[in-house]
Amino acid sequence: MTRDDLREIRSLGWLQQSMFGVGTFLFSGAFWLFCSIVAEQKTFEFTSWMGMCVISMICGVALGAVGLTLFGMKQKRLNKYFPTDPV
C-alpha cells in the first residue's frame, strides 16, 4: 500500500462521514416536517414551507449520495489491497 493511498483514505474519511450525516439529517428533518405540515391541513395546498422542505430533501439526498460515492471510492481502494476472496 502506497503512502499516497493511505493519505487519500485518511483525508476522505471524515468528509465522507460528515456529508452522509448532514445529508441524512437534512432529509429526515425535512421529510417529517413536510408530513407534519400536510397532516395539519384540511385540504392540500402547497405552501412555501413545503417548498423549502422539498428543497432540503433534495439537498439531503444529494449530500448523502456524494457521501456514499466517497465511501465506495474508499472501499474500492481498500479492496484492491485487502480482497474479500482469499486466493
Protein backbone atom coordinates (compact mmCIF):
# COMPACT_ATOMS: atom_id res chain seq x y z
CA MET A 1 0.00 0.00 0.00
CA THR A 2 1.48 3.29 -1.01
CA ARG A 3 1.79 6.32 1.20
CA ASP A 4 -0.40 8.34 -1.20
CA ASP A 5 -3.21 5.77 -0.96
CA LEU A 6 -3.16 5.93 2.83
CA ARG A 7 -3.12 9.74 2.76
CA GLU A 8 -6.11 9.81 0.40
CA ILE A 9 -8.10 7.34 2.51
CA ARG A 10 -7.34 9.34 5.66
CA SER A 11 -8.28 12.67 4.09
CA LEU A 12 -11.58 11.49 2.59
CA GLY A 13 -12.82 9.55 5.63
CA TRP A 14 -14.12 12.48 7.68
CA LEU A 15 -15.54 14.17 4.59
CA GLN A 16 -17.47 11.07 3.55
CA GLN A 17 -18.93 10.55 7.01
CA SER A 18 -19.88 14.17 7.58
CA MET A 19 -21.53 14.58 4.17
CA PHE A 20 -23.61 11.45 4.64
CA GLY A 21 -24.53 12.51 8.19
CA VAL A 22 -25.59 16.02 7.19
CA GLY A 23 -27.49 14.63 4.20
CA THR A 24 -29.50 12.18 6.28
CA PHE A 25 -30.16 14.88 8.88
CA LEU A 26 -31.49 17.30 6.26
CA PHE A 27 -33.60 14.68 4.51
CA SER A 28 -35.14 13.17 7.63
CA GLY A 29 -35.94 16.51 9.27
CA ALA A 30 -37.45 17.99 6.12
CA PHE A 31 -39.42 14.83 5.40
CA TRP A 32 -41.06 14.76 8.83
CA LEU A 33 -41.76 18.49 8.76
CA PHE A 34 -43.36 18.07 5.32
CA CYS A 35 -45.52 15.22 6.66
CA SER A 36 -46.49 17.30 9.69
CA ILE A 37 -47.50 20.27 7.54
CA VAL A 38 -49.57 18.05 5.25
CA ALA A 39 -51.28 16.37 8.23
CA GLU A 40 -52.31 19.70 9.75
CA GLN A 41 -54.03 20.91 6.57
CA LYS A 42 -57.72 20.29 5.95
CA THR A 43 -57.28 20.50 2.17
CA PHE A 44 -53.95 20.07 0.42
CA GLU A 45 -52.34 23.37 -0.51
CA PHE A 46 -48.66 23.59 -1.48
CA THR A 47 -47.10 26.33 0.67
CA SER A 48 -43.69 27.95 0.69
CA TRP A 49 -42.72 25.93 3.77
CA MET A 50 -43.48 22.77 1.86
CA GLY A 51 -41.29 24.03 -0.96
CA MET A 52 -38.42 24.60 1.48
CA CYS A 53 -38.91 21.06 2.78
CA VAL A 54 -38.70 19.67 -0.76
CA ILE A 55 -35.54 21.68 -1.44
CA SER A 56 -33.99 20.45 1.83
CA MET A 57 -34.88 16.85 0.98
CA ILE A 58 -33.26 17.19 -2.45
CA CYS A 59 -30.12 18.70 -0.89
CA GLY A 60 -30.08 15.93 1.71
CA VAL A 61 -30.28 13.23 -0.95
CA ALA A 62 -27.52 14.93 -2.94
CA LEU A 63 -25.20 15.17 0.08
CA GLY A 64 -25.96 11.58 1.05
CA ALA A 65 -25.22 10.39 -2.48
CA VAL A 66 -21.88 12.21 -2.50
CA GLY A 67 -21.04 10.68 0.88
CA LEU A 68 -21.90 7.19 -0.36
CA THR A 69 -19.87 7.74 -3.52
CA LEU A 70 -16.83 8.76 -1.47
CA PHE A 71 -17.36 5.70 0.72
CA GLY A 72 -17.48 3.50 -2.38
CA MET A 73 -14.25 5.02 -3.65
CA LYS A 74 -12.58 4.33 -0.30
CA GLN A 75 -13.83 0.74 -0.20
CA LYS A 76 -12.70 0.13 -3.78
CA ARG A 77 -9.23 1.36 -2.91
CA LEU A 78 -9.10 -0.79 0.23
CA ASN A 79 -10.44 -3.86 -1.58
CA LYS A 80 -7.55 -3.55 -4.02
CA TYR A 81 -5.14 -4.25 -1.16
CA PHE A 82 -7.35 -6.46 1.01
CA PRO A 83 -9.51 -8.63 -1.26
CA THR A 84 -12.51 -10.33 0.30
CA ASP A 85 -11.86 -13.62 -1.54
CA PRO A 86 -8.63 -15.21 -0.30
CA VAL A 87 -6.55 -16.64 -3.12
